[in-house]
Protein backbone atom coordinates (compact mmCIF):
# COMPACT_ATOMS: atom_id res chain seq x y z
CA MET A 1 44.91 78.00 109.72
CA LYS A 2 46.01 76.66 106.35
CA LYS A 3 48.03 79.84 105.80
CA ARG A 4 49.81 79.33 109.14
CA ILE A 5 50.61 75.68 108.34
CA PHE A 6 51.97 76.71 104.94
CA THR A 7 54.17 79.35 106.56
CA VAL A 8 55.60 76.83 109.05
CA ILE A 9 56.29 74.30 106.29
CA LEU A 10 57.96 76.98 104.16
CA SER A 11 60.16 78.01 107.09
CA LEU A 12 61.19 74.40 107.71
CA CYS A 13 62.05 73.98 104.04
CA LEU A 14 64.19 77.11 104.07
CA MET A 15 65.98 75.94 107.23
CA LEU A 16 66.56 72.51 105.71
CA GLY A 17 67.86 74.08 102.51
CA SER A 18 70.26 76.28 104.45
CA SER A 19 71.50 73.26 106.39
CA VAL A 20 72.11 71.30 103.20
CA CYS A 21 73.91 74.25 101.67
CA PHE A 22 76.10 74.67 104.74
CA THR A 23 76.98 70.98 104.73
CA GLY A 24 77.76 71.08 101.03
CA CYS A 25 79.90 74.20 101.40
CA SER A 26 81.93 72.63 104.20
CA ARG A 27 82.57 69.36 102.38
CA ALA A 28 86.19 68.68 101.45
CA PRO A 29 87.00 68.97 97.74
CA LYS A 30 87.68 65.93 95.60
CA VAL A 31 91.19 65.34 94.33
CA GLU A 32 90.15 65.94 90.74
CA ASP A 33 88.73 69.33 91.71
CA ILE A 34 92.02 70.70 93.06
CA TYR A 35 94.63 68.50 91.40
CA ASP A 36 95.76 71.07 88.81
CA ARG A 37 95.81 73.86 91.40
CA VAL A 38 97.93 71.81 93.81
CA VAL A 39 100.44 71.00 91.09
CA GLU A 40 100.56 74.67 90.06
CA LEU A 41 101.18 75.82 93.64
CA ILE A 42 103.86 73.27 94.47
CA GLU A 43 105.76 73.89 91.24
CA ALA A 44 105.65 77.66 91.88
CA SER A 45 106.80 77.16 95.46
CA TYR A 46 110.21 75.80 94.44
CA GLU A 47 111.53 79.21 93.44
CA LEU A 48 110.04 80.88 96.51
CA ASN A 49 111.41 78.21 98.84
CA THR A 50 114.88 79.14 97.63
CA VAL A 51 114.17 82.81 98.36
CA PHE A 52 112.72 82.23 101.84
CA TYR A 53 114.37 79.02 103.07
CA GLY A 54 117.26 78.15 100.78
CA GLU A 55 120.31 79.99 99.50
CA GLY A 56 118.30 83.16 99.04
CA LEU A 57 118.74 85.74 96.32
CA PRO A 58 122.29 85.87 94.87
CA VAL A 59 124.54 88.61 96.25
CA TYR A 60 127.75 90.42 95.45
CA GLU A 61 129.94 88.87 98.13
CA SER A 62 131.69 91.56 100.12
CA ASP A 63 135.06 89.79 99.91
CA SER A 64 134.87 89.14 96.16
CA VAL A 65 137.24 90.56 93.58
CA TYR A 66 134.32 92.34 91.89
CA ALA A 67 133.25 94.03 95.12
CA ASP A 68 136.82 95.09 95.78
CA TYR A 69 137.23 96.45 92.25
CA THR A 70 133.97 98.45 92.31
CA HIS A 71 134.30 99.60 95.93
CA MET A 72 130.58 98.87 96.35
CA TYR A 73 131.01 98.19 100.04
CA TYR A 74 132.98 101.33 100.81
CA GLY A 75 131.16 103.11 103.64
CA PHE A 76 128.47 100.42 103.51
CA THR A 77 125.73 100.99 106.12
CA TYR A 78 125.06 97.30 106.77
CA ALA A 79 128.67 96.12 106.82
CA GLY A 80 129.05 92.75 108.54
CA ASP A 81 125.32 92.02 108.51
CA TYR A 82 124.11 92.27 104.90
CA GLU A 83 125.40 92.01 101.35
CA ILE A 84 123.99 93.62 98.22
CA VAL A 85 121.72 91.43 96.12
CA SER A 86 123.00 90.95 92.58
CA ASP A 87 121.44 92.72 89.61
CA TYR A 88 121.14 89.29 88.01
CA THR A 89 118.14 88.15 90.00
CA LYS A 90 114.46 87.81 89.18
CA PHE A 91 113.37 89.88 92.17
CA ALA A 92 114.72 93.41 92.43
CA SER A 93 112.72 94.48 95.49
CA VAL A 94 110.82 93.17 98.50
CA ASP A 95 107.57 94.19 96.80
CA GLU A 96 108.36 91.92 93.86
CA ILE A 97 109.04 88.99 96.19
CA LYS A 98 105.75 89.61 97.99
CA ALA A 99 103.81 89.86 94.73
CA ALA A 100 105.08 86.43 93.69
CA ALA A 101 104.54 84.89 97.13
CA GLU A 102 100.95 86.13 97.35
CA LYS A 103 100.09 84.08 94.25
CA VAL A 104 101.16 80.89 96.02
CA TYR A 105 100.78 81.15 99.80
CA SER A 106 97.82 82.02 102.00
CA THR A 107 97.63 85.46 103.56
CA ALA A 108 97.87 83.97 107.06
CA TYR A 109 100.97 81.90 106.23
CA LEU A 110 102.68 84.91 104.69
CA GLU A 111 101.90 87.28 107.55
CA ASP A 112 102.52 84.81 110.39
CA VAL A 113 105.44 82.75 109.07
CA LEU A 114 107.24 83.97 105.96
CA TYR A 115 107.16 87.76 106.15
CA PRO A 116 108.32 88.18 109.78
CA SER A 117 111.52 86.19 109.26
CA ALA A 118 112.16 87.42 105.72
CA PHE A 119 111.43 91.13 106.04
CA ASP A 120 110.80 92.19 109.64
CA GLY A 121 113.24 90.44 111.96
CA TYR A 122 112.15 89.20 115.37
CA ALA A 123 113.28 88.51 118.91
CA ILE A 124 114.14 84.94 119.94
CA ASP A 125 114.76 83.30 123.31
CA ASP A 126 118.51 83.14 123.97
CA GLY A 127 118.09 80.24 126.42
CA THR A 128 119.15 82.27 129.46
CA GLY A 129 115.89 84.06 130.14
CA GLY A 130 116.72 86.90 127.79
CA SER A 131 116.19 87.46 124.10
CA ALA A 132 118.31 88.00 121.03
CA TYR A 133 117.43 89.73 117.79
CA ALA A 134 117.16 87.66 114.63
CA TYR A 135 117.97 89.70 111.56
CA SER A 136 115.45 89.75 108.75
CA ARG A 137 116.69 87.89 105.71
CA TYR A 138 116.19 90.90 103.44
CA VAL A 139 116.31 94.68 103.71
CA ASP A 140 115.06 97.02 101.00
CA ASP A 141 116.01 100.71 101.17
CA GLY A 142 114.22 101.67 97.98
CA MET A 143 117.39 101.61 95.88
CA TRP A 144 118.93 98.23 96.67
CA ILE A 145 117.84 95.01 98.28
CA TYR A 146 120.21 93.35 100.74
CA ARG A 147 120.46 89.77 102.03
CA SER A 148 121.59 88.92 105.55
CA VAL A 149 124.93 87.18 105.98
CA HIS A 150 123.50 85.51 109.09
CA ASP A 151 120.73 83.58 107.36
CA LYS A 152 120.77 79.79 107.10
CA ASN A 153 120.14 77.51 104.14
CA TYR A 154 117.46 75.06 105.29
CA LEU A 155 117.37 73.30 101.92
CA GLN A 156 120.90 71.93 101.84
CA ASN A 157 119.60 68.40 101.31
CA GLY A 158 118.30 69.36 97.90
CA THR A 159 115.03 69.65 96.03
CA ARG A 160 111.94 67.67 97.03
CA VAL A 161 110.26 65.77 94.19
CA TYR A 162 106.52 65.06 94.35
CA ASP A 163 104.75 62.12 92.71
CA TYR A 164 101.46 63.84 91.91
CA SER A 165 99.84 60.55 90.86
CA THR A 166 99.69 59.63 94.57
CA MET A 167 97.75 62.75 95.59
CA LYS A 168 95.02 62.16 98.19
CA ILE A 169 92.78 64.33 100.35
CA VAL A 170 93.22 63.32 104.00
CA SER A 171 91.57 64.24 107.29
CA PRO A 172 90.93 66.71 108.73
CA SER A 173 89.70 68.43 105.58
CA ASN A 174 86.68 70.54 104.69
CA GLY A 175 85.56 73.12 102.16
CA GLU A 176 87.71 75.88 103.63
CA ALA A 177 90.91 74.05 104.56
CA CYS A 178 92.15 70.71 103.33
CA TYR A 179 95.18 68.47 103.72
CA VAL A 180 96.76 66.81 100.70
CA SER A 181 98.99 63.76 101.01
CA ILE A 182 101.50 63.26 98.19
CA GLU A 183 104.43 60.86 98.12
CA SER A 184 107.70 62.76 97.81
CA TYR A 185 111.43 62.36 98.26
CA LEU A 186 114.58 64.44 98.30
CA LEU A 187 116.85 64.14 95.28
CA SER A 188 119.66 63.43 97.72
CA ASP A 189 117.74 60.52 99.28
CA PRO A 190 115.24 59.06 96.78
CA ALA A 191 114.72 55.87 98.80
CA ASN A 192 113.22 57.80 101.71
CA ILE A 193 109.59 58.38 100.71
CA SER A 194 107.62 60.94 102.70
CA THR A 195 103.85 61.51 102.82
CA ASP A 196 103.71 64.52 105.13
CA PRO A 197 100.43 66.31 104.36
CA ILE A 198 100.36 69.76 102.81
CA ARG A 199 97.73 72.17 104.09
CA LEU A 200 95.77 74.41 101.71
CA VAL A 201 93.14 77.03 102.47
CA LEU A 202 90.41 78.55 100.33
CA GLN A 203 90.54 82.34 100.28
CA ASP A 204 87.94 84.96 99.44
CA ASP A 205 88.91 85.02 95.76
CA GLY A 206 87.74 81.41 95.44
CA GLN A 207 91.27 80.03 94.96
CA TRP A 208 93.20 77.53 97.08
CA TYR A 209 96.59 78.59 98.48
CA LEU A 210 99.40 76.79 100.26
CA ASP A 211 99.23 77.18 104.03
CA SER A 212 102.30 75.11 104.90
CA PHE A 213 105.86 74.39 103.81
CA THR A 214 106.46 72.26 100.71
CA GLY A 215 110.23 71.78 100.78
């Protein structure tokens, strides 16, 4: 009888311990625990925002004197849709862009948001019941990387500046996904302070990654 009672008590203790562990694991992090990581991610996102949302990688413009002199667009396969990315760029291939992005953004955000528009292209509703094709921002043929002439610069209002001293963890947040509120403003409009939360997720490598736009 005593052995049975001991077994029941032990089982209850194990269940209670598991419950406490689960609660602890799901608790949102403290600001001081992720502060440095958040700063690191946001600072790294500036360059990538330009690649994905802003002006994009620099190109040799097809109507430039240099392009005319070198005949680089003679017989060009993607004429009218893409231009050749300049040699004077940090990223010389799609793989290099992805390698940099995967250090900053969550896998889900990359696969669901950034990669489809940047590298795959997709169909969009044309407003008449049909669909139109949206060109991917970049094409890589293994020799050159090309940037679409149809893409749009969504960062025309300038760089966003964050006041990291105002960083707060806000709801809904837990140990796997949290929202960080930081006061920020555009350089073009410093009087307009924004506190739109930034979402981060914890991935299997134990690191937090951006899961939303920071621009």
